[in-house]
């Protein structure tokens, strides 16, 4: 599985370390809440709401340089909108990888 990175964050922030720190802080703050809401919606079989959570999480996936994972998230979001959970295991694995990575920042 591909690994998260800060390449895009570095590209956005350039030499502005304050801006880079703010971006990382925002990701670290928002990700746990969005992740929790995703799991809550999935546990309650609220698939359309879960699709909204996946949509928000896709942005974090993209910012963290996970191109293949982003495509997995897109397909999973589409499946959820059709009340199908195909792709859940792969998406959950992506969420775990990101969770572990954010602990290192």
PDB file of N, CA and C in Angstrom:
ATOM      1  N   UNK A   1       0.852  -1.183   0.000  1.00  0.00           N
ATOM      2  CA  UNK A   1       0.000   0.000   0.000  1.00  0.00           C
ATOM      3  C   UNK A   1       0.890   1.237   0.000  1.00  0.00           C
ATOM      4  N   UNK A   2       0.459   2.253  -0.749  1.00  0.00           N
ATOM      5  CA  UNK A   2       1.234   3.484  -0.794  1.00  0.00           C
ATOM      6  C   UNK A   2       1.231   4.156   0.569  1.00  0.00           C
ATOM      7  N   UNK A   3       2.228   4.969   0.815  1.00  0.00           N
ATOM      8  CA  UNK A   3       2.376   5.621   2.108  1.00  0.00           C
ATOM      9  C   UNK A   3       2.111   7.124   1.994  1.00  0.00           C
ATOM     10  N   UNK A   4       1.480   7.699   3.003  1.00  0.00           N
ATOM     11  CA  UNK A   4       1.243   9.145   3.002  1.00  0.00           C
ATOM     12  C   UNK A   4       2.573   9.898   3.003  1.00  0.00           C
ATOM     13  N   UNK A   5       2.496  11.122   2.489  1.00  0.00           N
ATOM     14  CA  UNK A   5       3.682  11.976   2.485  1.00  0.00           C
ATOM     15  C   UNK A   5       3.245  13.435   2.490  1.00  0.00           C
ATOM     16  N   UNK A   6       4.197  14.302   2.671  1.00  0.00           N
ATOM     17  CA  UNK A   6       3.911  15.741   2.725  1.00  0.00           C
ATOM     18  C   UNK A   6       4.367  16.460   1.454  1.00  0.00           C
ATOM     19  N   UNK A   7       4.571  15.729   0.380  1.00  0.00           N
ATOM     20  CA  UNK A   7       5.052  16.356  -0.852  1.00  0.00           C
ATOM     21  C   UNK A   7       4.136  17.483  -1.314  1.00  0.00           C
ATOM     22  N   UNK A   8       2.828  17.234  -1.322  1.00  0.00           N
ATOM     23  CA  UNK A   8       1.880  18.259  -1.775  1.00  0.00           C
ATOM     24  C   UNK A   8       1.845  19.431  -0.788  1.00  0.00           C
ATOM     25  N   UNK A   9       1.877  19.125   0.487  1.00  0.00           N
ATOM     26  CA  UNK A   9       1.901  20.177   1.515  1.00  0.00           C
ATOM     27  C   UNK A   9       3.154  21.028   1.331  1.00  0.00           C
ATOM     28  N   UNK A  10       4.281  20.388   1.104  1.00  0.00           N
ATOM     29  CA  UNK A  10       5.531  21.123   0.881  1.00  0.00           C
ATOM     30  C   UNK A  10       5.457  21.972  -0.373  1.00  0.00           C
ATOM     31  N   UNK A  11       4.835  21.430  -1.408  1.00  0.00           N
ATOM     32  CA  UNK A  11       4.670  22.172  -2.658  1.00  0.00           C
ATOM     33  C   UNK A  11       3.797  23.403  -2.438  1.00  0.00           C
ATOM     34  N   UNK A  12       2.715  23.237  -1.700  1.00  0.00           N
ATOM     35  CA  UNK A  12       1.809  24.362  -1.423  1.00  0.00           C
ATOM     36  C   UNK A  12       2.475  25.439  -0.578  1.00  0.00           C
ATOM     37  N   UNK A  13       3.201  24.996   0.431  1.00  0.00           N
ATOM     38  CA  UNK A  13       3.748  25.945   1.397  1.00  0.00           C
ATOM     39  C   UNK A  13       5.088  26.534   0.981  1.00  0.00           C
ATOM     40  N   UNK A  14       5.782  25.864   0.085  1.00  0.00           N
ATOM     41  CA  UNK A  14       7.086  26.376  -0.336  1.00  0.00           C
ATOM     42  C   UNK A  14       8.012  26.513   0.860  1.00  0.00           C
ATOM     43  N   UNK A  15       8.547  27.706   1.042  1.00  0.00           N
ATOM     44  CA  UNK A  15       9.460  27.942   2.164  1.00  0.00           C
ATOM     45  C   UNK A  15       8.741  28.518   3.381  1.00  0.00           C
ATOM     46  N   UNK A  16       7.421  28.625   3.304  1.00  0.00           N
ATOM     47  CA  UNK A  16       6.633  29.198   4.404  1.00  0.00           C
ATOM     48  C   UNK A  16       6.307  28.110   5.431  1.00  0.00           C
ATOM     49  N   UNK A  17       7.192  27.951   6.394  1.00  0.00           N
ATOM     50  CA  UNK A  17       7.019  26.905   7.404  1.00  0.00           C
ATOM     51  C   UNK A  17       5.824  27.149   8.318  1.00  0.00           C
ATOM     52  N   UNK A  18       5.443  28.399   8.501  1.00  0.00           N
ATOM     53  CA  UNK A  18       4.270  28.710   9.319  1.00  0.00           C
ATOM     54  C   UNK A  18       3.011  28.190   8.620  1.00  0.00           C
ATOM     55  N   UNK A  19       2.922  28.447   7.330  1.00  0.00           N
ATOM     56  CA  UNK A  19       1.777  27.964   6.555  1.00  0.00           C
ATOM     57  C   UNK A  19       1.747  26.433   6.543  1.00  0.00           C
ATOM     58  N   UNK A  20       2.911  25.818   6.366  1.00  0.00           N
ATOM     59  CA  UNK A  20       3.003  24.355   6.380  1.00  0.00           C
ATOM     60  C   UNK A  20       2.507  23.802   7.714  1.00  0.00           C
ATOM     61  N   UNK A  21       2.927  24.402   8.802  1.00  0.00           N
ATOM     62  CA  UNK A  21       2.500  23.952  10.133  1.00  0.00           C
ATOM     63  C   UNK A  21       0.993  24.106  10.299  1.00  0.00           C
ATOM     64  N   UNK A  22       0.432  25.190   9.765  1.00  0.00           N
ATOM     65  CA  UNK A  22      -1.021  25.389   9.854  1.00  0.00           C
ATOM     66  C   UNK A  22      -1.776  24.314   9.080  1.00  0.00           C
ATOM     67  N   UNK A  23      -1.296  23.983   7.886  1.00  0.00           N
ATOM     68  CA  UNK A  23      -1.939  22.934   7.095  1.00  0.00           C
ATOM     69  C   UNK A  23      -1.919  21.601   7.838  1.00  0.00           C
ATOM     70  N   UNK A  24      -0.777  21.267   8.384  1.00  0.00           N
ATOM     71  CA  UNK A  24      -0.654  20.002   9.118  1.00  0.00           C
ATOM     72  C   UNK A  24      -1.563  20.006  10.339  1.00  0.00           C
ATOM     73  N   UNK A  25      -1.624  21.125  11.038  1.00  0.00           N
ATOM     74  CA  UNK A  25      -2.488  21.238  12.213  1.00  0.00           C
ATOM     75  C   UNK A  25      -3.951  21.044  11.834  1.00  0.00           C
ATOM     76  N   UNK A  26      -4.366  21.640  10.740  1.00  0.00           N
ATOM     77  CA  UNK A  26      -5.753  21.500  10.282  1.00  0.00           C
ATOM     78  C   UNK A  26      -6.060  20.041   9.954  1.00  0.00           C
ATOM     79  N   UNK A  27      -5.159  19.394   9.237  1.00  0.00           N
ATOM     80  CA  UNK A  27      -5.373  17.981   8.887  1.00  0.00           C
ATOM     81  C   UNK A  27      -5.470  17.139  10.151  1.00  0.00           C
ATOM     82  N   UNK A  28      -4.552  17.352  11.084  1.00  0.00           N
ATOM     83  CA  UNK A  28      -4.536  16.548  12.312  1.00  0.00           C
ATOM     84  C   UNK A  28      -5.768  16.806  13.174  1.00  0.00           C
ATOM     85  N   UNK A  29      -6.324  18.011  13.082  1.00  0.00           N
ATOM     86  CA  UNK A  29      -7.510  18.358  13.867  1.00  0.00           C
ATOM     87  C   UNK A  29      -8.775  17.789  13.225  1.00  0.00           C
ATOM     88  N   UNK A  30      -8.918  17.946  11.925  1.00  0.00           N
ATOM     89  CA  UNK A  30     -10.146  17.562  11.232  1.00  0.00           C
ATOM     90  C   UNK A  30     -10.251  16.054  10.992  1.00  0.00           C
ATOM     91  N   UNK A  31      -9.137  15.408  10.705  1.00  0.00           N
ATOM     92  CA  UNK A  31      -9.173  13.993  10.317  1.00  0.00           C
ATOM     93  C   UNK A  31      -9.850  13.099  11.361  1.00  0.00           C
ATOM     94  N   UNK A  32      -9.505  13.189  12.643  1.00  0.00           N
ATOM     95  CA  UNK A  32     -10.147  12.290  13.618  1.00  0.00           C
ATOM     96  C   UNK A  32     -11.660  12.464  13.692  1.00  0.00           C
ATOM     97  N   UNK A  33     -12.138  13.700  13.604  1.00  0.00           N
ATOM     98  CA  UNK A  33     -13.582  13.943  13.648  1.00  0.00           C
ATOM     99  C   UNK A  33     -14.272  13.375  12.410  1.00  0.00           C
ATOM    100  N   UNK A  34     -13.673  13.599  11.244  1.00  0.00           N
ATOM    101  CA  UNK A  34     -14.253  13.084  10.011  1.00  0.00           C
ATOM    102  C   UNK A  34     -14.232  11.557   9.996  1.00  0.00           C
ATOM    103  N   UNK A  35     -13.158  10.981  10.506  1.00  0.00           N
ATOM    104  CA  UNK A  35     -13.037   9.527  10.589  1.00  0.00           C
ATOM    105  C   UNK A  35     -14.106   8.966  11.532  1.00  0.00           C
ATOM    106  N   UNK A  36     -14.283   9.579  12.679  1.00  0.00           N
ATOM    107  CA  UNK A  36     -15.270   9.110  13.652  1.00  0.00           C
ATOM    108  C   UNK A  36     -16.676   9.170  13.072  1.00  0.00           C
ATOM    109  N   UNK A  37     -16.988  10.244  12.373  1.00  0.00           N
ATOM    110  CA  UNK A  37     -18.309  10.380  11.766  1.00  0.00           C
ATOM    111  C   UNK A  37     -18.515   9.319  10.683  1.00  0.00           C
ATOM    112  N   UNK A  38     -17.480   9.049   9.916  1.00  0.00           N
ATOM    113  CA  UNK A  38     -17.553   7.991   8.900  1.00  0.00           C
ATOM    114  C   UNK A  38     -17.908   6.656   9.551  1.00  0.00           C
ATOM    115  N   UNK A  39     -17.164   6.275  10.596  1.00  0.00           N
ATOM    116  CA  UNK A  39     -17.424   4.988  11.244  1.00  0.00           C
ATOM    117  C   UNK A  39     -18.800   4.951  11.916  1.00  0.00           C
ATOM    118  N   UNK A  40     -19.208   6.070  12.478  1.00  0.00           N
ATOM    119  CA  UNK A  40     -20.547   6.132  13.087  1.00  0.00           C
ATOM    120  C   UNK A  40     -21.621   5.902  12.030  1.00  0.00           C
ATOM    121  N   UNK A  41     -21.486   6.582  10.905  1.00  0.00           N
ATOM    122  CA  UNK A  41     -22.469   6.411   9.827  1.00  0.00           C
ATOM    123  C   UNK A  41     -22.458   4.986   9.283  1.00  0.00           C
ATOM    124  N   UNK A  42     -21.281   4.402   9.129  1.00  0.00           N
ATOM    125  CA  UNK A  42     -21.205   3.022   8.636  1.00  0.00           C
ATOM    126  C   UNK A  42     -21.835   2.052   9.634  1.00  0.00           C
ATOM    127  N   UNK A  43     -21.524   2.241  10.920  1.00  0.00           N
ATOM    128  CA  UNK A  43     -22.093   1.358  11.940  1.00  0.00           C
ATOM    129  C   UNK A  43     -23.610   1.436  11.992  1.00  0.00           C
ATOM    130  N   UNK A  44     -24.144   2.601  11.662  1.00  0.00           N
ATOM    131  CA  UNK A  44     -25.592   2.796  11.672  1.00  0.00           C
ATOM    132  C   UNK A  44     -26.228   2.566  10.298  1.00  0.00           C
ATOM    133  N   UNK A  45     -25.414   2.070   9.371  1.00  0.00           N
ATOM    134  CA  UNK A  45     -25.871   1.775   8.011  1.00  0.00           C
ATOM    135  C   UNK A  45     -26.487   2.990   7.322  1.00  0.00           C
ATOM    136  N   UNK A  46     -25.954   4.151   7.636  1.00  0.00           N
ATOM    137  CA  UNK A  46     -26.362   5.395   6.981  1.00  0.00           C
ATOM    138  C   UNK A  46     -25.361   5.651   5.850  1.00  0.00           C
ATOM    139  N   UNK A  47     -25.549   4.904   4.763  1.00  0.00           N
ATOM    140  CA  UNK A  47     -24.547   4.891   3.712  1.00  0.00           C
ATOM    141  C   UNK A  47     -24.428   6.209   2.952  1.00  0.00           C
ATOM    142  N   UNK A  48     -25.529   6.902   2.748  1.00  0.00           N
ATOM    143  CA  UNK A  48     -25.439   8.195   2.054  1.00  0.00           C
ATOM    144  C   UNK A  48     -24.678   9.208   2.907  1.00  0.00           C
ATOM    145  N   UNK A  49     -24.907   9.188   4.216  1.00  0.00           N
ATOM    146  CA  UNK A  49     -24.169  10.064   5.118  1.00  0.00           C
ATOM    147  C   UNK A  49     -22.696   9.655   5.173  1.00  0.00           C
ATOM    148  N   UNK A  50     -22.451   8.353   5.148  1.00  0.00           N
ATOM    149  CA  UNK A  50     -21.074   7.853   5.127  1.00  0.00           C
ATOM    150  C   UNK A  50     -20.366   8.306   3.855  1.00  0.00           C
ATOM    151  N   UNK A  51     -21.102   8.348   2.748  1.00  0.00           N
ATOM    152  CA  UNK A  51     -20.524   8.829   1.490  1.00  0.00           C
ATOM    153  C   UNK A  51     -20.072  10.282   1.639  1.00  0.00           C
ATOM    154  N   UNK A  52     -20.838  11.072   2.385  1.00  0.00           N
ATOM    155  CA  UNK A  52     -20.428  12.455   2.651  1.00  0.00           C
ATOM    156  C   UNK A  52     -19.147  12.514   3.457  1.00  0.00           C
ATOM    157  N   UNK A  53     -19.009  11.598   4.398  1.00  0.00           N
ATOM    158  CA  UNK A  53     -17.781  11.528   5.187  1.00  0.00           C
ATOM    159  C   UNK A  53     -16.601  11.126   4.317  1.00  0.00           C
ATOM    160  N   UNK A  54     -16.825  10.148   3.459  1.00  0.00           N
ATOM    161  CA  UNK A  54     -15.765   9.712   2.543  1.00  0.00           C
ATOM    162  C   UNK A  54     -15.358  10.878   1.649  1.00  0.00           C
ATOM    163  N   UNK A  55     -16.339  11.644   1.201  1.00  0.00           N
ATOM    164  CA  UNK A  55     -16.048  12.799   0.343  1.00  0.00           C
ATOM    165  C   UNK A  55     -15.099  13.766   1.050  1.00  0.00           C
ATOM    166  N   UNK A  56     -15.362  14.045   2.304  1.00  0.00           N
ATOM    167  CA  UNK A  56     -14.486  14.949   3.067  1.00  0.00           C
ATOM    168  C   UNK A  56     -13.114  14.325   3.281  1.00  0.00           C
ATOM    169  N   UNK A  57     -13.090  13.040   3.582  1.00  0.00           N
ATOM    170  CA  UNK A  57     -11.812  12.354   3.825  1.00  0.00           C
ATOM    171  C   UNK A  57     -10.972  12.262   2.552  1.00  0.00           C
ATOM    172  N   UNK A  58     -11.629  12.236   1.400  1.00  0.00           N
ATOM    173  CA  UNK A  58     -10.891  12.196   0.128  1.00  0.00           C
ATOM    174  C   UNK A  58      -9.923  13.360   0.018  1.00  0.00           C
ATOM    175  N   UNK A  59     -10.313  14.504   0.525  1.00  0.00           N
ATOM    176  CA  UNK A  59      -9.435  15.676   0.441  1.00  0.00           C
ATOM    177  C   UNK A  59      -8.160  15.451   1.241  1.00  0.00           C
ATOM    178  N   UNK A  60      -8.284  14.850   2.402  1.00  0.00           N
ATOM    179  CA  UNK A  60      -7.097  14.548   3.215  1.00  0.00           C
ATOM    180  C   UNK A  60      -6.232  13.513   2.507  1.00  0.00           C
ATOM    181  N   UNK A  61      -6.882  12.526   1.909  1.00  0.00           N
ATOM    182  CA  UNK A  61      -6.164  11.481   1.179  1.00  0.00           C
ATOM    183  C   UNK A  61      -5.341  12.116   0.059  1.00  0.00           C
ATOM    184  N   UNK A  62      -5.945  13.032  -0.655  1.00  0.00           N
ATOM    185  CA  UNK A  62      -5.268  13.703  -1.759  1.00  0.00           C
ATOM    186  C   UNK A  62      -4.113  14.570  -1.264  1.00  0.00           C
ATOM    187  N   UNK A  63      -4.364  15.349  -0.244  1.00  0.00           N
ATOM    188  CA  UNK A  63      -3.333  16.243   0.296  1.00  0.00           C
ATOM    189  C   UNK A  63      -2.127  15.454   0.795  1.00  0.00           C
ATOM    190  N   UNK A  64      -2.381  14.242   1.285  1.00  0.00           N
ATOM    191  CA  UNK A  64      -1.296  13.414   1.801  1.00  0.00           C
ATOM    192  C   UNK A  64      -0.646  12.561   0.712  1.00  0.00           C
ATOM    193  N   UNK A  65      -0.899  12.897  -0.549  1.00  0.00           N
ATOM    194  CA  UNK A  65      -0.191  12.291  -1.662  1.00  0.00           C
ATOM    195  C   UNK A  65      -0.569  10.864  -2.002  1.00  0.00           C
ATOM    196  N   UNK A  66      -1.746  10.443  -1.600  1.00  0.00           N
ATOM    197  CA  UNK A  66      -2.177   9.062  -1.821  1.00  0.00           C
ATOM    198  C   UNK A  66      -3.055   8.976  -3.073  1.00  0.00           C
ATOM    199  N   UNK A  67      -2.412   8.990  -4.227  1.00  0.00           N
ATOM    200  CA  UNK A  67      -3.147   9.043  -5.488  1.00  0.00           C
ATOM    201  C   UNK A  67      -3.995   7.801  -5.735  1.00  0.00           C
ATOM    202  N   UNK A  68      -3.433   6.628  -5.553  1.00  0.00           N
ATOM    203  CA  UNK A  68      -4.198   5.396  -5.760  1.00  0.00           C
ATOM    204  C   UNK A  68      -5.318   5.273  -4.727  1.00  0.00           C
ATOM    205  N   UNK A  69      -5.015   5.656  -3.508  1.00  0.00           N
ATOM    206  CA  UNK A  69      -6.013   5.601  -2.435  1.00  0.00           C
ATOM    207  C   UNK A  69      -7.160   6.563  -2.720  1.00  0.00           C
ATOM    208  N   UNK A  70      -6.854   7.692  -3.331  1.00  0.00           N
ATOM    209  CA  UNK A  70      -7.888   8.649  -3.694  1.00  0.00           C
ATOM    210  C   UNK A  70      -8.876   7.989  -4.670  1.00  0.00           C
ATOM    211  N   UNK A  71      -8.357   7.267  -5.653  1.00  0.00           N
ATOM    212  CA  UNK A  71      -9.226   6.593  -6.623  1.00  0.00           C
ATOM    213  C   UNK A  71     -10.090   5.526  -5.942  1.00  0.00           C
ATOM    214  N   UNK A  72      -9.519   4.821  -4.982  1.00  0.00           N
ATOM    215  CA  UNK A  72     -10.287   3.837  -4.211  1.00  0.00           C
ATOM    216  C   UNK A  72     -11.421   4.538  -3.468  1.00  0.00           C
ATOM    217  N   UNK A  73     -11.114   5.691  -2.886  1.00  0.00           N
ATOM    218  CA  UNK A  73     -12.122   6.454  -2.137  1.00  0.00           C
ATOM    219  C   UNK A  73     -13.239   6.946  -3.054  1.00  0.00           C
ATOM    220  N   UNK A  74     -12.880   7.380  -4.251  1.00  0.00           N
ATOM    221  CA  UNK A  74     -13.892   7.838  -5.211  1.00  0.00           C
ATOM    222  C   UNK A  74     -14.883   6.708  -5.521  1.00  0.00           C
ATOM    223  N   UNK A  75     -14.348   5.522  -5.808  1.00  0.00           N
ATOM    224  CA  UNK A  75     -15.218   4.380  -6.127  1.00  0.00           C
ATOM    225  C   UNK A  75     -16.062   3.971  -4.929  1.00  0.00           C
ATOM    226  N   UNK A  76     -15.451   4.000  -3.744  1.00  0.00           N
ATOM    227  CA  UNK A  76     -16.194   3.634  -2.537  1.00  0.00           C
ATOM    228  C   UNK A  76     -17.318   4.633  -2.274  1.00  0.00           C
ATOM    229  N   UNK A  77     -17.040   5.904  -2.445  1.00  0.00           N
ATOM    230  CA  UNK A  77     -18.074   6.923  -2.260  1.00  0.00           C
ATOM    231  C   UNK A  77     -19.240   6.675  -3.218  1.00  0.00           C
ATOM    232  N   UNK A  78     -18.932   6.371  -4.473  1.00  0.00           N
ATOM    233  CA  UNK A  78     -19.981   6.084  -5.453  1.00  0.00           C
ATOM    234  C   UNK A  78     -20.801   4.861  -5.028  1.00  0.00           C
ATOM    235  N   UNK A  79     -20.118   3.836  -4.540  1.00  0.00           N
ATOM    236  CA  UNK A  79     -20.830   2.637  -4.077  1.00  0.00           C
ATOM    237  C   UNK A  79     -21.748   2.955  -2.905  1.00  0.00           C
ATOM    238  N   UNK A  80     -21.261   3.738  -1.965  1.00  0.00           N
ATOM    239  CA  UNK A  80     -22.086   4.094  -0.803  1.00  0.00           C
ATOM    240  C   UNK A  80     -23.337   4.853  -1.226  1.00  0.00           C
ATOM    241  N   UNK A  81     -23.198   5.709  -2.219  1.00  0.00           N
ATOM    242  CA  UNK A  81     -24.357   6.460  -2.707  1.00  0.00           C
ATOM    243  C   UNK A  81     -25.406   5.537  -3.318  1.00  0.00           C
ATOM    244  N   UNK A  82     -24.967   4.343  -3.697  1.00  0.00           N
ATOM    245  CA  UNK A  82     -25.889   3.333  -4.238  1.00  0.00           C
ATOM    246  C   UNK A  82     -26.192   2.257  -3.194  1.00  0.00           C
ATOM    247  N   UNK A  83     -25.925   2.584  -1.921  1.00  0.00           N
ATOM    248  CA  UNK A  83     -26.187   1.680  -0.787  1.00  0.00           C
ATOM    249  C   UNK A  83     -25.424   0.359  -0.885  1.00  0.00           C
ATOM    250  N   UNK A  84     -24.226   0.414  -1.448  1.00  0.00           N
ATOM    251  CA  UNK A  84     -23.353  -0.757  -1.523  1.00  0.00           C
ATOM    252  C   UNK A  84     -22.085  -0.454  -0.734  1.00  0.00           C
ATOM    253  N   UNK A  85     -21.557  -1.452  -0.067  1.00  0.00           N
ATOM    254  CA  UNK A  85     -20.355  -1.257   0.751  1.00  0.00           C
ATOM    255  C   UNK A  85     -19.098  -1.833   0.100  1.00  0.00           C
ATOM    256  N   UNK A  86     -19.173  -2.082  -1.196  1.00  0.00           N
ATOM    257  CA  UNK A  86     -18.001  -2.594  -1.918  1.00  0.00           C
ATOM    258  C   UNK A  86     -16.871  -1.572  -1.802  1.00  0.00           C
ATOM    259  N   UNK A  87     -15.720  -2.039  -1.339  1.00  0.00           N
ATOM    260  CA  UNK A  87     -14.562  -1.167  -1.174  1.00  0.00           C
ATOM    261  C   UNK A  87     -14.318  -0.745   0.255  1.00  0.00           C
ATOM    262  N   UNK A  88     -15.192  -1.144   1.171  1.00  0.00           N
ATOM    263  CA  UNK A  88     -15.066  -0.729   2.570  1.00  0.00           C
ATOM    264  C   UNK A  88     -13.738  -1.172   3.178  1.00  0.00           C
ATOM    265  N   UNK A  89     -13.342  -2.416   2.953  1.00  0.00           N
ATOM    266  CA  UNK A  89     -12.113  -2.928   3.566  1.00  0.00           C
ATOM    267  C   UNK A  89     -10.899  -2.135   3.093  1.00  0.00           C
ATOM    268  N   UNK A  90     -10.851  -1.852   1.792  1.00  0.00           N
ATOM    269  CA  UNK A  90      -9.733  -1.080   1.252  1.00  0.00           C
ATOM    270  C   UNK A  90      -9.730   0.339   1.809  1.00  0.00           C
ATOM    271  N   UNK A  91     -10.916   0.950   1.881  1.00  0.00           N
ATOM    272  CA  UNK A  91     -10.993   2.312   2.402  1.00  0.00           C
ATOM    273  C   UNK A  91     -10.607   2.346   3.879  1.00  0.00           C
ATOM    274  N   UNK A  92     -11.092   1.384   4.643  1.00  0.00           N
ATOM    275  CA  UNK A  92     -10.750   1.340   6.063  1.00  0.00           C
ATOM    276  C   UNK A  92      -9.244   1.167   6.265  1.00  0.00           C
ATOM    277  N   UNK A  93      -8.602   0.403   5.386  1.00  0.00           N
ATOM    278  CA  UNK A  93      -7.149   0.233   5.468  1.00  0.00           C
ATOM    279  C   UNK A  93      -6.439   1.557   5.201  1.00  0.00           C
ATOM    280  N   UNK A  94      -6.949   2.335   4.277  1.00  0.00           N
ATOM    281  CA  UNK A  94      -6.381   3.659   3.983  1.00  0.00           C
ATOM    282  C   UNK A  94      -6.499   4.552   5.215  1.00  0.00           C
ATOM    283  N   UNK A  95      -7.659   4.525   5.850  1.00  0.00           N
ATOM    284  CA  UNK A  95      -7.893   5.332   7.049  1.00  0.00           C
ATOM    285  C   UNK A  95      -6.906   4.938   8.148  1.00  0.00           C
ATOM    286  N   UNK A  96      -6.638   3.657   8.287  1.00  0.00           N
ATOM    287  CA  UNK A  96      -5.680   3.184   9.297  1.00  0.00           C
ATOM    288  C   UNK A  96      -4.277   3.688   8.986  1.00  0.00           C
ATOM    289  N   UNK A  97      -3.885   3.607   7.735  1.00  0.00           N
ATOM    290  CA  UNK A  97      -2.552   4.083   7.331  1.00  0.00           C
ATOM    291  C   UNK A  97      -2.406   5.571   7.641  1.00  0.00           C
ATOM    292  N   UNK A  98      -3.424   6.352   7.313  1.00  0.00           N
ATOM    293  CA  UNK A  98      -3.372   7.796   7.578  1.00  0.00           C
ATOM    294  C   UNK A  98      -3.341   8.060   9.073  1.00  0.00           C
ATOM    295  N   UNK A  99      -4.159   7.359   9.832  1.00  0.00           N
ATOM    296  CA  UNK A  99      -4.186   7.527  11.286  1.00  0.00           C
ATOM    297  C   UNK A  99      -2.794   7.306  11.865  1.00  0.00           C
ATOM    298  N   UNK A 100      -2.151   6.240  11.450  1.00  0.00           N
ATOM    299  CA  UNK A 100      -0.814   5.934  11.953  1.00  0.00           C
ATOM    300  C   UNK A 100       0.202   6.981  11.511  1.00  0.00           C
ATOM    301  N   UNK A 101       0.070   7.441  10.293  1.00  0.00           N
ATOM    302  CA  UNK A 101       1.003   8.453   9.772  1.00  0.00           C
ATOM    303  C   UNK A 101       0.870   9.773  10.525  1.00  0.00           C
ATOM    304  N   UNK A 102      -0.351  10.191  10.789  1.00  0.00           N
ATOM    305  CA  UNK A 102      -0.558  11.468  11.483  1.00  0.00           C
ATOM    306  C   UNK A 102       0.022  11.456  12.888  1.00  0.00           C
ATOM    307  N   UNK A 103       0.122  10.284  13.478  1.00  0.00           N
ATOM    308  CA  UNK A 103       0.741  10.182  14.813  1.00  0.00           C
ATOM    309  C   UNK A 103       2.232  10.505  14.769  1.00  0.00           C
ATOM    310  N   UNK A 104       2.828  10.378  13.599  1.00  0.00           N
ATOM    311  CA  UNK A 104       4.264  10.642  13.458  1.00  0.00           C
ATOM    312  C   UNK A 104       4.586  12.109  13.195  1.00  0.00           C
ATOM    313  N   UNK A 105       3.568  12.883  12.895  1.00  0.00           N
ATOM    314  CA  UNK A 105       3.807  14.302  12.559  1.00  0.00           C
ATOM    315  C   UNK A 105       3.826  15.173  13.807  1.00  0.00           C
TER     316      UNK A 105
END
